[in-house]
Amino acid sequence: LKDETEAEIQKLFAGKQDVNLEDFEVICKNICKIPKIFKKSLFDRIKKVGGLDENAEKIPKQNFVNYWKTEYEMESVSKRVFKLLAQPNTKYIVPDDFKSLFKYLLESHPGLEFL
């Protein structure tokens, strides 16, 4: 499984040194194995952990690989999702932890424009 994931990472970064938010749909589905609705949360978390500008539109390959190896590679899918939702260094999720996910969902899902 590790070799498969490494191959997916190499494929994703073939010919480029960074990824943007749209690339995170593939990252969520093929590499992290989490629902693609978390692409913005994952993108923002990697920027924050990597010390990148919060307004950065791209994430360098090395930042993604570092995050993958230190935070996700050895975790189950459920633990990966938990880490995205929960505040850092906590063992629980509170209602406020869902705010950014719901905000992104409302902004990006055309069927929810009426809200």
Protein backbone atom coordinates (compact mmCIF):
# COMPACT_ATOMS: atom_id res chain seq x y z
CA LEU A 1 0.00 0.00 0.00
CA LYS A 2 2.87 2.37 0.79
CA ASP A 3 4.38 1.85 -2.68
CA GLU A 4 0.96 2.47 -4.26
CA THR A 5 0.64 5.76 -2.40
CA GLU A 6 4.18 6.81 -3.31
CA ALA A 7 3.33 6.12 -6.96
CA GLU A 8 0.18 8.26 -6.69
CA ILE A 9 2.20 11.13 -5.16
CA GLN A 10 4.80 10.91 -7.95
CA LYS A 11 2.02 10.84 -10.56
CA LEU A 12 0.33 13.87 -9.00
CA PHE A 13 3.52 15.92 -9.01
CA ALA A 14 4.79 14.76 -12.43
CA GLY A 15 6.11 17.86 -14.17
CA LYS A 16 5.22 20.28 -11.37
CA GLN A 17 6.61 21.38 -8.05
CA ASP A 18 3.40 22.48 -6.34
CA VAL A 19 -0.33 21.81 -6.18
CA ASN A 20 -3.40 24.04 -5.94
CA LEU A 21 -6.78 23.58 -4.29
CA GLU A 22 -8.25 21.81 -7.33
CA ASP A 23 -5.51 19.17 -7.16
CA PHE A 24 -6.68 18.34 -3.66
CA GLU A 25 -9.74 16.56 -4.99
CA VAL A 26 -7.38 13.90 -6.39
CA ILE A 27 -5.21 14.04 -3.26
CA CYS A 28 -8.19 13.40 -0.99
CA LYS A 29 -9.59 10.59 -3.12
CA ASN A 30 -6.48 8.76 -4.37
CA ILE A 31 -3.81 9.47 -1.77
CA CYS A 32 -5.45 10.26 1.57
CA LYS A 33 -8.56 8.14 0.90
CA ILE A 34 -10.80 10.71 2.57
CA PRO A 35 -13.99 12.32 1.18
CA LYS A 36 -13.22 15.11 -1.28
CA ILE A 37 -15.39 17.54 0.71
CA PHE A 38 -12.34 17.84 2.98
CA LYS A 39 -10.08 19.18 0.23
CA LYS A 40 -10.22 22.78 1.46
CA SER A 41 -9.69 21.74 5.08
CA LEU A 42 -6.68 19.63 4.12
CA PHE A 43 -5.27 22.36 1.86
CA ASP A 44 -5.58 24.93 4.66
CA ARG A 45 -4.16 22.58 7.31
CA ILE A 46 -1.05 21.82 5.23
CA LYS A 47 -0.49 25.55 4.66
CA LYS A 48 -0.81 26.23 8.39
CA VAL A 49 1.42 23.34 9.50
CA GLY A 50 3.97 24.19 6.81
CA GLY A 51 4.16 27.84 7.84
CA LEU A 52 2.90 29.03 4.46
CA ASP A 53 0.99 32.27 3.94
CA GLU A 54 -2.71 31.60 4.59
CA ASN A 55 -3.51 33.30 1.26
CA ALA A 56 -1.10 31.08 -0.70
CA GLU A 57 -2.80 29.50 -3.70
CA LYS A 58 -0.29 26.68 -4.10
CA ILE A 59 1.45 24.22 -1.83
CA PRO A 60 4.98 23.09 -2.68
CA LYS A 61 5.57 19.37 -3.15
CA GLN A 62 7.89 19.19 -0.15
CA ASN A 63 5.24 20.66 2.18
CA PHE A 64 2.71 18.08 1.05
CA VAL A 65 5.18 15.18 1.34
CA ASN A 66 6.28 16.33 4.81
CA TYR A 67 2.67 16.55 5.97
CA TRP A 68 1.86 13.15 4.50
CA LYS A 69 4.81 11.45 6.17
CA THR A 70 4.46 13.09 9.60
CA GLU A 71 0.68 13.38 9.98
CA TYR A 72 -1.14 10.94 7.69
CA GLU A 73 0.91 8.05 6.37
CA MET A 74 0.52 5.85 9.45
CA GLU A 75 -3.05 6.90 10.36
CA SER A 76 -6.35 5.22 9.55
CA VAL A 77 -8.83 7.05 7.33
CA SER A 78 -11.08 7.84 10.30
CA LYS A 79 -8.15 9.29 12.24
CA ARG A 80 -7.21 11.44 9.21
CA VAL A 81 -10.71 12.91 9.10
CA PHE A 82 -10.69 13.43 12.86
CA LYS A 83 -7.38 15.32 12.63
CA LEU A 84 -8.87 17.62 9.99
CA LEU A 85 -11.96 18.41 12.03
CA ALA A 86 -10.55 18.67 15.55
CA GLN A 87 -8.39 21.49 16.82
CA PRO A 88 -4.70 20.54 17.03
CA ASN A 89 -3.70 18.52 20.10
CA THR A 90 -7.25 17.67 21.19
CA LYS A 91 -8.93 14.31 21.60
CA TYR A 92 -12.47 15.47 20.84
CA ILE A 93 -14.55 17.44 18.35
CA VAL A 94 -16.84 20.30 19.32
CA PRO A 95 -19.58 21.90 17.19
CA ASP A 96 -17.36 24.87 16.26
CA ASP A 97 -14.93 22.45 14.59
CA PHE A 98 -17.46 21.98 11.79
CA LYS A 99 -17.82 25.70 10.95
CA SER A 100 -15.10 25.90 8.31
CA LEU A 101 -16.32 22.69 6.65
CA PHE A 102 -19.92 23.94 6.53
CA LYS A 103 -18.79 27.35 5.27
CA TYR A 104 -16.85 25.71 2.44
CA LEU A 105 -19.79 23.41 1.66
CA LEU A 106 -22.20 26.35 1.41
CA GLU A 107 -19.79 28.34 -0.76
CA SER A 108 -18.94 25.52 -3.14
CA HIS A 109 -22.10 23.46 -3.55
CA PRO A 110 -24.43 24.99 -6.18
CA GLY A 111 -27.48 23.14 -4.85
CA LEU A 112 -27.25 25.02 -1.56
CA GLU A 113 -27.40 28.56 -2.97
CA PHE A 114 -30.81 29.11 -1.36
CA LEU A 115 -29.21 28.96 2.11
